[in-house]
């Protein structure tokens, strides 16, 4: 996109106030991370996602370490690492999953709400999908406990119910899975997470159709 030409006086004012305009707050950085994660996971070709998520994870680590008082930065780092684990394979996926778990559990010690339950949803999916001991940390009971905590915090969450439904279906509890899949379909889109929530809603619709057969 080419730069739009501005009157000289505006350019002068821009130069005068450049330090103010360029100053990024932690909230600005978090918004940027969230927006780019949203684009990467919903719109970017699969072949480019690993590299993009690795870059985002490194940026999130820097942000979290620069602002240790902002637990939400650590939660977003964990979410990005979990996405990286899903897009990777082999030891790379396992390493990202283990790091995501460590980061999220540490964040929850400082902020029990975990970004309105998002940390618990992500941990639930990690415990559900990771191999069990001694290879990794996968554990069905812990996964379900995480999903229930997320549901208590955000009972209408599309992500909460979809990932819980996927877990229940994997456990052979189809009737319960159908209940949560339907709730995911009916859940509201979150501001700033419209694209990812819409994609999850589509998955929930497909799950409902499959479970109703």
C-alpha atoms as a PDB file:
ATOM      1  CA  UNK A   1       0.000   0.000   0.000  1.00  0.00           C
ATOM      2  CA  UNK A   2       1.495   3.372  -0.998  1.00  0.00           C
ATOM      3  CA  UNK A   3       1.765   6.120   1.598  1.00  0.00           C
ATOM      4  CA  UNK A   4      -0.947   8.752   1.393  1.00  0.00           C
ATOM      5  CA  UNK A   5       0.452  12.231   0.672  1.00  0.00           C
ATOM      6  CA  UNK A   6      -0.195  14.702   3.512  1.00  0.00           C
ATOM      7  CA  UNK A   7       0.004  18.501   3.568  1.00  0.00           C
ATOM      8  CA  UNK A   8       3.393  19.836   4.636  1.00  0.00           C
ATOM      9  CA  UNK A   9       1.989  21.283   7.834  1.00  0.00           C
ATOM     10  CA  UNK A  10       0.619  17.887   8.828  1.00  0.00           C
ATOM     11  CA  UNK A  11       3.954  16.240   8.079  1.00  0.00           C
ATOM     12  CA  UNK A  12       5.658  18.824  10.244  1.00  0.00           C
ATOM     13  CA  UNK A  13       3.268  18.184  13.089  1.00  0.00           C
ATOM     14  CA  UNK A  14       3.823  14.468  12.654  1.00  0.00           C
ATOM     15  CA  UNK A  15       7.575  14.933  13.018  1.00  0.00           C
ATOM     16  CA  UNK A  16       7.114  17.125  16.064  1.00  0.00           C
ATOM     17  CA  UNK A  17       4.941  14.558  17.783  1.00  0.00           C
ATOM     18  CA  UNK A  18       6.695  11.465  16.423  1.00  0.00           C
ATOM     19  CA  UNK A  19       7.967  10.282  19.838  1.00  0.00           C
ATOM     20  CA  UNK A  20       4.406  10.391  21.181  1.00  0.00           C
ATOM     21  CA  UNK A  21       2.897   8.674  18.161  1.00  0.00           C
ATOM     22  CA  UNK A  22       5.499   5.929  18.132  1.00  0.00           C
ATOM     23  CA  UNK A  23       5.247   5.110  21.825  1.00  0.00           C
ATOM     24  CA  UNK A  24       3.705   1.667  22.213  1.00  0.00           C
ATOM     25  CA  UNK A  25       1.994   0.680  25.425  1.00  0.00           C
ATOM     26  CA  UNK A  26       1.848  -2.951  26.598  1.00  0.00           C
ATOM     27  CA  UNK A  27      -1.850  -2.934  25.712  1.00  0.00           C
ATOM     28  CA  UNK A  28      -1.008  -1.809  22.168  1.00  0.00           C
ATOM     29  CA  UNK A  29       1.506  -4.639  21.879  1.00  0.00           C
ATOM     30  CA  UNK A  30      -1.016  -7.156  23.168  1.00  0.00           C
ATOM     31  CA  UNK A  31      -3.603  -5.944  20.667  1.00  0.00           C
ATOM     32  CA  UNK A  32      -1.044  -6.312  17.882  1.00  0.00           C
ATOM     33  CA  UNK A  33      -0.122  -9.836  18.987  1.00  0.00           C
ATOM     34  CA  UNK A  34      -3.762 -10.853  19.199  1.00  0.00           C
ATOM     35  CA  UNK A  35      -4.565  -9.411  15.775  1.00  0.00           C
ATOM     36  CA  UNK A  36      -1.624 -11.094  14.066  1.00  0.00           C
ATOM     37  CA  UNK A  37      -2.327 -14.413  15.808  1.00  0.00           C
ATOM     38  CA  UNK A  38      -5.926 -14.127  14.607  1.00  0.00           C
ATOM     39  CA  UNK A  39      -4.781 -13.556  11.028  1.00  0.00           C
ATOM     40  CA  UNK A  40      -2.161 -16.316  11.179  1.00  0.00           C
ATOM     41  CA  UNK A  41      -4.495 -18.993  12.495  1.00  0.00           C
ATOM     42  CA  UNK A  42      -7.519 -18.157  10.342  1.00  0.00           C
ATOM     43  CA  UNK A  43      -6.287 -16.620   7.075  1.00  0.00           C
ATOM     44  CA  UNK A  44      -2.637 -17.534   6.503  1.00  0.00           C
ATOM     45  CA  UNK A  45      -1.778 -20.576   4.333  1.00  0.00           C
ATOM     46  CA  UNK A  46      -0.839 -23.590   6.447  1.00  0.00           C
ATOM     47  CA  UNK A  47       2.642 -23.738   4.911  1.00  0.00           C
ATOM     48  CA  UNK A  48       3.500 -20.341   6.407  1.00  0.00           C
ATOM     49  CA  UNK A  49       1.942 -20.702   9.834  1.00  0.00           C
ATOM     50  CA  UNK A  50       4.819 -22.345  11.713  1.00  0.00           C
ATOM     51  CA  UNK A  51       7.301 -19.599  10.842  1.00  0.00           C
ATOM     52  CA  UNK A  52       4.765 -16.887  11.632  1.00  0.00           C
ATOM     53  CA  UNK A  53       3.830 -18.443  14.974  1.00  0.00           C
ATOM     54  CA  UNK A  54       7.478 -18.919  15.930  1.00  0.00           C
ATOM     55  CA  UNK A  55       8.057 -15.205  15.330  1.00  0.00           C
ATOM     56  CA  UNK A  56       4.964 -14.295  17.324  1.00  0.00           C
ATOM     57  CA  UNK A  57       6.010 -16.590  20.174  1.00  0.00           C
ATOM     58  CA  UNK A  58       9.415 -14.908  20.367  1.00  0.00           C
ATOM     59  CA  UNK A  59       7.778 -11.486  20.392  1.00  0.00           C
ATOM     60  CA  UNK A  60       5.309 -12.591  23.070  1.00  0.00           C
ATOM     61  CA  UNK A  61       8.173 -13.885  25.218  1.00  0.00           C
ATOM     62  CA  UNK A  62       9.907 -10.518  25.034  1.00  0.00           C
ATOM     63  CA  UNK A  63       6.689  -8.708  25.919  1.00  0.00           C
ATOM     64  CA  UNK A  64       5.920 -11.026  28.848  1.00  0.00           C
ATOM     65  CA  UNK A  65       9.441 -10.715  30.230  1.00  0.00           C
ATOM     66  CA  UNK A  66       9.386  -6.924  29.834  1.00  0.00           C
ATOM     67  CA  UNK A  67       6.067  -6.651  31.691  1.00  0.00           C
ATOM     68  CA  UNK A  68       5.965  -9.457  34.271  1.00  0.00           C
ATOM     69  CA  UNK A  69       3.118  -7.660  36.030  1.00  0.00           C
ATOM     70  CA  UNK A  70       0.883  -8.181  32.979  1.00  0.00           C
ATOM     71  CA  UNK A  71      -0.260 -11.788  33.282  1.00  0.00           C
ATOM     72  CA  UNK A  72      -2.291 -11.456  30.072  1.00  0.00           C
ATOM     73  CA  UNK A  73       0.970 -11.169  28.122  1.00  0.00           C
ATOM     74  CA  UNK A  74       2.002 -14.580  29.448  1.00  0.00           C
ATOM     75  CA  UNK A  75      -1.430 -16.006  28.648  1.00  0.00           C
ATOM     76  CA  UNK A  76      -1.110 -14.831  25.059  1.00  0.00           C
ATOM     77  CA  UNK A  77       2.370 -16.301  24.868  1.00  0.00           C
ATOM     78  CA  UNK A  78       0.908 -19.612  26.006  1.00  0.00           C
ATOM     79  CA  UNK A  79      -1.923 -19.422  23.470  1.00  0.00           C
ATOM     80  CA  UNK A  80       0.535 -18.716  20.650  1.00  0.00           C
ATOM     81  CA  UNK A  81       2.793 -21.595  21.751  1.00  0.00           C
ATOM     82  CA  UNK A  82      -0.206 -23.937  21.858  1.00  0.00           C
ATOM     83  CA  UNK A  83      -1.105 -22.888  18.304  1.00  0.00           C
ATOM     84  CA  UNK A  84       2.506 -23.526  17.286  1.00  0.00           C
ATOM     85  CA  UNK A  85       2.333 -26.997  18.837  1.00  0.00           C
ATOM     86  CA  UNK A  86      -0.818 -27.742  16.829  1.00  0.00           C
ATOM     87  CA  UNK A  87       0.804 -26.651  13.557  1.00  0.00           C
ATOM     88  CA  UNK A  88       4.134 -28.420  14.202  1.00  0.00           C
ATOM     89  CA  UNK A  89       5.021 -32.087  14.308  1.00  0.00           C
ATOM     90  CA  UNK A  90       7.245 -34.469  16.236  1.00  0.00           C
ATOM     91  CA  UNK A  91       9.598 -33.106  18.875  1.00  0.00           C
ATOM     92  CA  UNK A  92       8.924 -29.511  17.822  1.00  0.00           C
ATOM     93  CA  UNK A  93       5.231 -29.921  18.598  1.00  0.00           C
ATOM     94  CA  UNK A  94       5.962 -31.619  21.917  1.00  0.00           C
ATOM     95  CA  UNK A  95       8.421 -28.927  22.949  1.00  0.00           C
ATOM     96  CA  UNK A  96       5.998 -26.124  22.133  1.00  0.00           C
ATOM     97  CA  UNK A  97       3.197 -27.905  24.006  1.00  0.00           C
ATOM     98  CA  UNK A  98       5.322 -28.361  27.128  1.00  0.00           C
ATOM     99  CA  UNK A  99       6.399 -24.721  27.060  1.00  0.00           C
ATOM    100  CA  UNK A 100       2.812 -23.570  26.531  1.00  0.00           C
ATOM    101  CA  UNK A 101       1.698 -25.575  29.562  1.00  0.00           C
ATOM    102  CA  UNK A 102       4.483 -24.147  31.740  1.00  0.00           C
ATOM    103  CA  UNK A 103       3.778 -20.567  30.674  1.00  0.00           C
ATOM    104  CA  UNK A 104       0.007 -20.830  31.142  1.00  0.00           C
ATOM    105  CA  UNK A 105       0.168 -22.491  34.545  1.00  0.00           C
ATOM    106  CA  UNK A 106       2.637 -19.863  35.714  1.00  0.00           C
ATOM    107  CA  UNK A 107       0.326 -17.099  34.457  1.00  0.00           C
ATOM    108  CA  UNK A 108      -2.628 -18.599  36.321  1.00  0.00           C
ATOM    109  CA  UNK A 109      -0.707 -18.389  39.582  1.00  0.00           C
ATOM    110  CA  UNK A 110      -0.723 -14.599  39.141  1.00  0.00           C
ATOM    111  CA  UNK A 111      -4.110 -14.165  37.470  1.00  0.00           C
ATOM    112  CA  UNK A 112      -6.564 -16.966  38.331  1.00  0.00           C
ATOM    113  CA  UNK A 113      -9.076 -15.732  35.732  1.00  0.00           C
ATOM    114  CA  UNK A 114      -6.611 -16.490  32.953  1.00  0.00           C
ATOM    115  CA  UNK A 115      -7.831 -13.916  30.415  1.00  0.00           C
ATOM    116  CA  UNK A 116     -11.520 -14.710  30.953  1.00  0.00           C
ATOM    117  CA  UNK A 117     -10.897 -18.431  30.999  1.00  0.00           C
ATOM    118  CA  UNK A 118      -8.794 -18.570  27.822  1.00  0.00           C
ATOM    119  CA  UNK A 119      -5.809 -20.000  29.705  1.00  0.00           C
ATOM    120  CA  UNK A 120      -7.963 -22.840  31.049  1.00  0.00           C
ATOM    121  CA  UNK A 121      -9.411 -23.613  27.613  1.00  0.00           C
ATOM    122  CA  UNK A 122      -5.936 -23.793  26.121  1.00  0.00           C
ATOM    123  CA  UNK A 123      -4.621 -25.939  28.966  1.00  0.00           C
ATOM    124  CA  UNK A 124      -7.587 -28.263  28.589  1.00  0.00           C
ATOM    125  CA  UNK A 125      -6.803 -28.756  24.915  1.00  0.00           C
ATOM    126  CA  UNK A 126      -3.115 -29.307  25.706  1.00  0.00           C
ATOM    127  CA  UNK A 127      -3.817 -31.914  28.381  1.00  0.00           C
ATOM    128  CA  UNK A 128      -6.305 -33.577  26.021  1.00  0.00           C
ATOM    129  CA  UNK A 129      -4.023 -33.767  22.996  1.00  0.00           C
ATOM    130  CA  UNK A 130      -0.567 -34.303  24.487  1.00  0.00           C
ATOM    131  CA  UNK A 131       0.740 -37.850  24.917  1.00  0.00           C
ATOM    132  CA  UNK A 132       0.610 -39.207  28.443  1.00  0.00           C
ATOM    133  CA  UNK A 133       3.460 -39.987  30.801  1.00  0.00           C
ATOM    134  CA  UNK A 134       6.352 -40.747  30.330  1.00  0.00           C
ATOM    135  CA  UNK A 135       6.422 -39.019  26.934  1.00  0.00           C
ATOM    136  CA  UNK A 136       4.521 -35.891  27.990  1.00  0.00           C
ATOM    137  CA  UNK A 137       1.802 -34.671  30.341  1.00  0.00           C
ATOM    138  CA  UNK A 138      -1.478 -35.694  28.705  1.00  0.00           C
ATOM    139  CA  UNK A 139      -4.179 -36.477  31.252  1.00  0.00           C
ATOM    140  CA  UNK A 140      -7.930 -36.791  30.678  1.00  0.00           C
ATOM    141  CA  UNK A 141      -8.987 -35.889  34.232  1.00  0.00           C
ATOM    142  CA  UNK A 142      -6.898 -32.727  34.247  1.00  0.00           C
ATOM    143  CA  UNK A 143      -8.172 -31.784  30.787  1.00  0.00           C
ATOM    144  CA  UNK A 144     -11.779 -32.017  31.909  1.00  0.00           C
ATOM    145  CA  UNK A 145     -11.045 -30.054  35.073  1.00  0.00           C
ATOM    146  CA  UNK A 146      -9.547 -27.252  32.963  1.00  0.00           C
ATOM    147  CA  UNK A 147     -12.580 -27.159  30.664  1.00  0.00           C
ATOM    148  CA  UNK A 148     -14.954 -27.007  33.627  1.00  0.00           C
ATOM    149  CA  UNK A 149     -13.039 -24.101  35.117  1.00  0.00           C
ATOM    150  CA  UNK A 150     -13.185 -22.255  31.800  1.00  0.00           C
ATOM    151  CA  UNK A 151     -16.919 -22.893  31.580  1.00  0.00           C
ATOM    152  CA  UNK A 152     -17.445 -21.497  35.080  1.00  0.00           C
ATOM    153  CA  UNK A 153     -15.662 -18.288  34.078  1.00  0.00           C
ATOM    154  CA  UNK A 154     -17.173 -17.843  30.604  1.00  0.00           C
ATOM    155  CA  UNK A 155     -20.243 -20.088  30.302  1.00  0.00           C
ATOM    156  CA  UNK A 156     -21.197 -18.889  26.803  1.00  0.00           C
ATOM    157  CA  UNK A 157     -17.746 -19.147  25.220  1.00  0.00           C
ATOM    158  CA  UNK A 158     -17.638 -20.669  21.746  1.00  0.00           C
ATOM    159  CA  UNK A 159     -14.082 -21.891  22.300  1.00  0.00           C
ATOM    160  CA  UNK A 160     -14.920 -23.219  25.761  1.00  0.00           C
ATOM    161  CA  UNK A 161     -17.720 -25.422  24.504  1.00  0.00           C
ATOM    162  CA  UNK A 162     -16.138 -26.512  21.225  1.00  0.00           C
ATOM    163  CA  UNK A 163     -12.909 -27.756  22.789  1.00  0.00           C
ATOM    164  CA  UNK A 164     -14.818 -29.361  25.632  1.00  0.00           C
ATOM    165  CA  UNK A 165     -17.096 -31.033  23.079  1.00  0.00           C
ATOM    166  CA  UNK A 166     -14.084 -32.326  21.147  1.00  0.00           C
ATOM    167  CA  UNK A 167     -12.659 -33.763  24.349  1.00  0.00           C
ATOM    168  CA  UNK A 168     -15.962 -35.436  25.241  1.00  0.00           C
ATOM    169  CA  UNK A 169     -16.340 -36.909  21.765  1.00  0.00           C
ATOM    170  CA  UNK A 170     -12.839 -38.328  22.005  1.00  0.00           C
ATOM    171  CA  UNK A 171     -13.802 -39.921  25.308  1.00  0.00           C
ATOM    172  CA  UNK A 172     -16.807 -41.588  23.697  1.00  0.00           C
ATOM    173  CA  UNK A 173     -19.302 -39.349  25.498  1.00  0.00           C
ATOM    174  CA  UNK A 174     -21.207 -38.315  22.392  1.00  0.00           C
ATOM    175  CA  UNK A 175     -24.433 -37.170  24.093  1.00  0.00           C
ATOM    176  CA  UNK A 176     -22.533 -34.742  26.320  1.00  0.00           C
ATOM    177  CA  UNK A 177     -20.379 -33.637  23.385  1.00  0.00           C
ATOM    178  CA  UNK A 178     -23.496 -32.769  21.401  1.00  0.00           C
ATOM    179  CA  UNK A 179     -24.789 -30.551  24.217  1.00  0.00           C
ATOM    180  CA  UNK A 180     -21.571 -28.542  24.285  1.00  0.00           C
ATOM    181  CA  UNK A 181     -21.243 -28.410  20.492  1.00  0.00           C
ATOM    182  CA  UNK A 182     -24.715 -26.877  20.299  1.00  0.00           C
ATOM    183  CA  UNK A 183     -23.758 -24.335  22.947  1.00  0.00           C
ATOM    184  CA  UNK A 184     -20.698 -23.442  20.893  1.00  0.00           C
ATOM    185  CA  UNK A 185     -22.893 -22.813  17.850  1.00  0.00           C
ATOM    186  CA  UNK A 186     -25.101 -20.481  19.919  1.00  0.00           C
ATOM    187  CA  UNK A 187     -22.242 -18.622  21.624  1.00  0.00           C
ATOM    188  CA  UNK A 188     -21.471 -14.945  20.918  1.00  0.00           C
ATOM    189  CA  UNK A 189     -18.458 -13.791  18.934  1.00  0.00           C
ATOM    190  CA  UNK A 190     -15.923 -11.970  21.091  1.00  0.00           C
ATOM    191  CA  UNK A 191     -14.807  -8.468  20.157  1.00  0.00           C
ATOM    192  CA  UNK A 192     -11.391  -8.704  18.554  1.00  0.00           C
ATOM    193  CA  UNK A 193     -11.694 -12.472  18.176  1.00  0.00           C
ATOM    194  CA  UNK A 194     -14.458 -12.515  15.568  1.00  0.00           C
ATOM    195  CA  UNK A 195     -12.531 -14.428  12.904  1.00  0.00           C
ATOM    196  CA  UNK A 196     -11.231 -17.187  15.170  1.00  0.00           C
ATOM    197  CA  UNK A 197     -14.563 -17.533  16.971  1.00  0.00           C
ATOM    198  CA  UNK A 198     -16.403 -17.721  13.634  1.00  0.00           C
ATOM    199  CA  UNK A 199     -14.037 -20.486  12.505  1.00  0.00           C
ATOM    200  CA  UNK A 200     -14.655 -22.364  15.750  1.00  0.00           C
ATOM    201  CA  UNK A 201     -18.405 -21.923  15.319  1.00  0.00           C
ATOM    202  CA  UNK A 202     -18.143 -23.506  11.864  1.00  0.00           C
ATOM    203  CA  UNK A 203     -16.315 -26.460  13.436  1.00  0.00           C
ATOM    204  CA  UNK A 204     -19.054 -26.691  16.057  1.00  0.00           C
ATOM    205  CA  UNK A 205     -21.752 -26.789  13.361  1.00  0.00           C
ATOM    206  CA  UNK A 206     -19.907 -29.624  11.625  1.00  0.00           C
ATOM    207  CA  UNK A 207     -19.619 -31.479  14.913  1.00  0.00           C
ATOM    208  CA  UNK A 208     -23.326 -31.072  15.636  1.00  0.00           C
ATOM    209  CA  UNK A 209     -24.187 -32.441  12.197  1.00  0.00           C
ATOM    210  CA  UNK A 210     -21.869 -35.412  12.727  1.00  0.00           C
ATOM    211  CA  UNK A 211     -23.138 -36.215  16.218  1.00  0.00           C
ATOM    212  CA  UNK A 212     -26.797 -35.930  15.176  1.00  0.00           C
ATOM    213  CA  UNK A 213     -26.422 -38.525  12.407  1.00  0.00           C
END
